[in-house]
C-alpha atoms as a PDB file:
ATOM      1  CA  UNK A   1      -6.861  22.526 -31.033  1.00  0.00           C
ATOM      2  CA  UNK A   2      -7.599  22.588 -27.299  1.00  0.00           C
ATOM      3  CA  UNK A   3      -4.851  23.911 -25.045  1.00  0.00           C
ATOM      4  CA  UNK A   4      -4.702  23.976 -21.243  1.00  0.00           C
ATOM      5  CA  UNK A   5      -2.285  26.177 -19.316  1.00  0.00           C
ATOM      6  CA  UNK A   6      -1.849  25.849 -15.543  1.00  0.00           C
ATOM      7  CA  UNK A   7      -0.558  28.564 -13.252  1.00  0.00           C
ATOM      8  CA  UNK A   8      -0.432  29.415  -9.561  1.00  0.00           C
ATOM      9  CA  UNK A   9       1.978  26.824  -8.229  1.00  0.00           C
ATOM     10  CA  UNK A  10       4.820  27.676  -5.882  1.00  0.00           C
ATOM     11  CA  UNK A  11       6.479  27.106  -2.546  1.00  0.00           C
ATOM     12  CA  UNK A  12       4.385  27.414   0.601  1.00  0.00           C
ATOM     13  CA  UNK A  13       4.749  26.426   4.229  1.00  0.00           C
ATOM     14  CA  UNK A  14       2.584  23.711   5.745  1.00  0.00           C
ATOM     15  CA  UNK A  15      -0.804  25.137   6.676  1.00  0.00           C
ATOM     16  CA  UNK A  16      -0.657  27.693   3.897  1.00  0.00           C
ATOM     17  CA  UNK A  17      -2.813  28.127   0.798  1.00  0.00           C
ATOM     18  CA  UNK A  18      -2.417  28.266  -2.957  1.00  0.00           C
ATOM     19  CA  UNK A  19      -4.870  28.754  -5.811  1.00  0.00           C
ATOM     20  CA  UNK A  20      -4.175  26.975  -9.075  1.00  0.00           C
ATOM     21  CA  UNK A  21      -5.704  28.083 -12.360  1.00  0.00           C
ATOM     22  CA  UNK A  22      -6.182  26.211 -15.625  1.00  0.00           C
ATOM     23  CA  UNK A  23      -6.989  28.354 -18.639  1.00  0.00           C
ATOM     24  CA  UNK A  24      -8.598  26.565 -21.574  1.00  0.00           C
ATOM     25  CA  UNK A  25      -8.342  27.797 -25.158  1.00  0.00           C
ATOM     26  CA  UNK A  26      -9.559  26.339 -28.426  1.00  0.00           C
ATOM     27  CA  UNK A  27     -12.797  24.721 -29.378  1.00  0.00           C
ATOM     28  CA  UNK A  28     -14.592  23.016 -26.515  1.00  0.00           C
ATOM     29  CA  UNK A  29     -18.108  21.701 -26.362  1.00  0.00           C
ATOM     30  CA  UNK A  30     -20.416  22.515 -23.507  1.00  0.00           C
ATOM     31  CA  UNK A  31     -20.384  18.910 -22.323  1.00  0.00           C
ATOM     32  CA  UNK A  32     -17.099  17.964 -20.715  1.00  0.00           C
ATOM     33  CA  UNK A  33     -15.457  17.037 -17.446  1.00  0.00           C
ATOM     34  CA  UNK A  34     -12.417  18.804 -16.075  1.00  0.00           C
ATOM     35  CA  UNK A  35     -10.140  17.668 -13.327  1.00  0.00           C
ATOM     36  CA  UNK A  36      -6.942  18.168 -11.389  1.00  0.00           C
ATOM     37  CA  UNK A  37      -4.347  15.432 -11.059  1.00  0.00           C
ATOM     38  CA  UNK A  38      -1.011  15.383  -9.265  1.00  0.00           C
ATOM     39  CA  UNK A  39       2.201  13.450  -9.582  1.00  0.00           C
ATOM     40  CA  UNK A  40       4.809  13.271  -6.844  1.00  0.00           C
ATOM     41  CA  UNK A  41       8.406  12.255  -7.663  1.00  0.00           C
ATOM     42  CA  UNK A  42       8.650   8.548  -8.354  1.00  0.00           C
ATOM     43  CA  UNK A  43       4.899   8.044  -8.144  1.00  0.00           C
ATOM     44  CA  UNK A  44       2.061   7.688 -10.600  1.00  0.00           C
ATOM     45  CA  UNK A  45      -0.239  10.523 -11.569  1.00  0.00           C
ATOM     46  CA  UNK A  46      -3.296  10.474  -9.319  1.00  0.00           C
ATOM     47  CA  UNK A  47      -6.692  12.116  -9.454  1.00  0.00           C
ATOM     48  CA  UNK A  48      -7.328  14.980  -7.035  1.00  0.00           C
ATOM     49  CA  UNK A  49     -10.741  16.358  -7.984  1.00  0.00           C
ATOM     50  CA  UNK A  50     -13.157  16.637 -10.892  1.00  0.00           C
ATOM     51  CA  UNK A  51     -15.914  19.019 -11.959  1.00  0.00           C
ATOM     52  CA  UNK A  52     -18.450  18.458 -14.694  1.00  0.00           C
ATOM     53  CA  UNK A  53     -19.826  21.078 -17.050  1.00  0.00           C
ATOM     54  CA  UNK A  54     -22.964  20.953 -14.889  1.00  0.00           C
ATOM     55  CA  UNK A  55     -20.908  21.845 -11.822  1.00  0.00           C
ATOM     56  CA  UNK A  56     -20.952  18.472 -10.089  1.00  0.00           C
ATOM     57  CA  UNK A  57     -17.764  17.913  -8.076  1.00  0.00           C
ATOM     58  CA  UNK A  58     -15.838  14.974  -6.679  1.00  0.00           C
ATOM     59  CA  UNK A  59     -12.748  14.815  -4.465  1.00  0.00           C
ATOM     60  CA  UNK A  60     -10.378  12.133  -3.327  1.00  0.00           C
ATOM     61  CA  UNK A  61     -10.514  11.500   0.391  1.00  0.00           C
ATOM     62  CA  UNK A  62      -7.060  12.968   1.063  1.00  0.00           C
ATOM     63  CA  UNK A  63      -8.129  16.483   0.015  1.00  0.00           C
ATOM     64  CA  UNK A  64     -11.766  16.616   1.127  1.00  0.00           C
ATOM     65  CA  UNK A  65     -12.435  19.645   3.294  1.00  0.00           C
ATOM     66  CA  UNK A  66      -9.150  21.298   2.252  1.00  0.00           C
ATOM     67  CA  UNK A  67      -9.363  21.680  -1.547  1.00  0.00           C
ATOM     68  CA  UNK A  68     -12.143  23.244  -3.616  1.00  0.00           C
ATOM     69  CA  UNK A  69     -12.490  22.836  -7.373  1.00  0.00           C
ATOM     70  CA  UNK A  70     -14.467  25.392  -9.362  1.00  0.00           C
ATOM     71  CA  UNK A  71     -14.988  26.714 -12.885  1.00  0.00           C
ATOM     72  CA  UNK A  72     -15.541  30.148 -14.403  1.00  0.00           C
ATOM     73  CA  UNK A  73     -17.479  29.286 -17.542  1.00  0.00           C
ATOM     74  CA  UNK A  74     -17.327  32.815 -18.915  1.00  0.00           C
ATOM     75  CA  UNK A  75     -13.524  32.858 -18.737  1.00  0.00           C
ATOM     76  CA  UNK A  76     -13.160  29.162 -19.637  1.00  0.00           C
ATOM     77  CA  UNK A  77     -10.972  28.651 -16.581  1.00  0.00           C
ATOM     78  CA  UNK A  78     -10.865  26.046 -13.832  1.00  0.00           C
ATOM     79  CA  UNK A  79      -9.480  26.613 -10.350  1.00  0.00           C
ATOM     80  CA  UNK A  80      -8.237  24.579  -7.423  1.00  0.00           C
ATOM     81  CA  UNK A  81      -8.225  26.381  -4.099  1.00  0.00           C
ATOM     82  CA  UNK A  82      -5.905  24.511  -1.761  1.00  0.00           C
ATOM     83  CA  UNK A  83      -6.017  25.314   1.950  1.00  0.00           C
ATOM     84  CA  UNK A  84      -4.231  23.812   4.946  1.00  0.00           C
ATOM     85  CA  UNK A  85      -1.566  22.394   2.667  1.00  0.00           C
ATOM     86  CA  UNK A  86       0.551  19.498   3.908  1.00  0.00           C
ATOM     87  CA  UNK A  87       4.022  18.323   2.841  1.00  0.00           C
ATOM     88  CA  UNK A  88       2.404  15.258   1.267  1.00  0.00           C
ATOM     89  CA  UNK A  89       0.571  17.572  -1.147  1.00  0.00           C
ATOM     90  CA  UNK A  90       3.910  18.317  -2.810  1.00  0.00           C
ATOM     91  CA  UNK A  91       3.649  17.326  -6.474  1.00  0.00           C
ATOM     92  CA  UNK A  92       3.313  18.579 -10.014  1.00  0.00           C
ATOM     93  CA  UNK A  93      -0.335  19.422 -10.535  1.00  0.00           C
ATOM     94  CA  UNK A  94      -1.926  18.881 -13.947  1.00  0.00           C
ATOM     95  CA  UNK A  95      -5.318  19.898 -15.282  1.00  0.00           C
ATOM     96  CA  UNK A  96      -7.241  17.722 -17.696  1.00  0.00           C
ATOM     97  CA  UNK A  97     -10.251  18.203 -19.928  1.00  0.00           C
ATOM     98  CA  UNK A  98     -12.188  15.138 -21.042  1.00  0.00           C
ATOM     99  CA  UNK A  99     -14.671  15.346 -23.889  1.00  0.00           C
ATOM    100  CA  UNK A 100     -16.077  12.148 -25.273  1.00  0.00           C
ATOM    101  CA  UNK A 101     -13.130   9.918 -26.191  1.00  0.00           C
ATOM    102  CA  UNK A 102     -10.685  12.835 -26.179  1.00  0.00           C
ATOM    103  CA  UNK A 103      -8.508  14.010 -23.298  1.00  0.00           C
ATOM    104  CA  UNK A 104      -6.336  17.113 -23.111  1.00  0.00           C
ATOM    105  CA  UNK A 105      -3.656  17.861 -20.520  1.00  0.00           C
ATOM    106  CA  UNK A 106      -1.832  20.931 -19.370  1.00  0.00           C
ATOM    107  CA  UNK A 107       1.920  21.082 -18.892  1.00  0.00           C
ATOM    108  CA  UNK A 108       1.749  21.018 -15.088  1.00  0.00           C
ATOM    109  CA  UNK A 109       2.629  23.403 -12.285  1.00  0.00           C
ATOM    110  CA  UNK A 110       4.859  22.568  -9.317  1.00  0.00           C
ATOM    111  CA  UNK A 111       3.484  22.805  -5.791  1.00  0.00           C
ATOM    112  CA  UNK A 112       5.969  22.411  -2.960  1.00  0.00           C
ATOM    113  CA  UNK A 113       4.890  22.413   0.686  1.00  0.00           C
ATOM    114  CA  UNK A 114       7.621  22.734   3.286  1.00  0.00           C
ATOM    115  CA  UNK A 115       7.251  21.418   6.813  1.00  0.00           C
END
């Protein structure tokens, strides 16, 4: 059973930084894609960034140049470094692991950016 646990969320002022972590436990193959998603109140869950097991990354336009996704393969952990945060970044952030036809989600961590 694969489990994902996010941490690192919190309250920060606009312009500040946070680093989210997603720890993965359970059986995982070497070939997978991980990603961060976010869901603001009353809105759908949207993609933020992805990283493949080969280290290839992709970002949505709204976070390019401010967010960095990375993985520590030895610790089976994914990170999202978020700099220059804006109030519109406020959301619950979820990590996801996709492997073939399977997808696993974490429980989410709240990020709140005050103006």
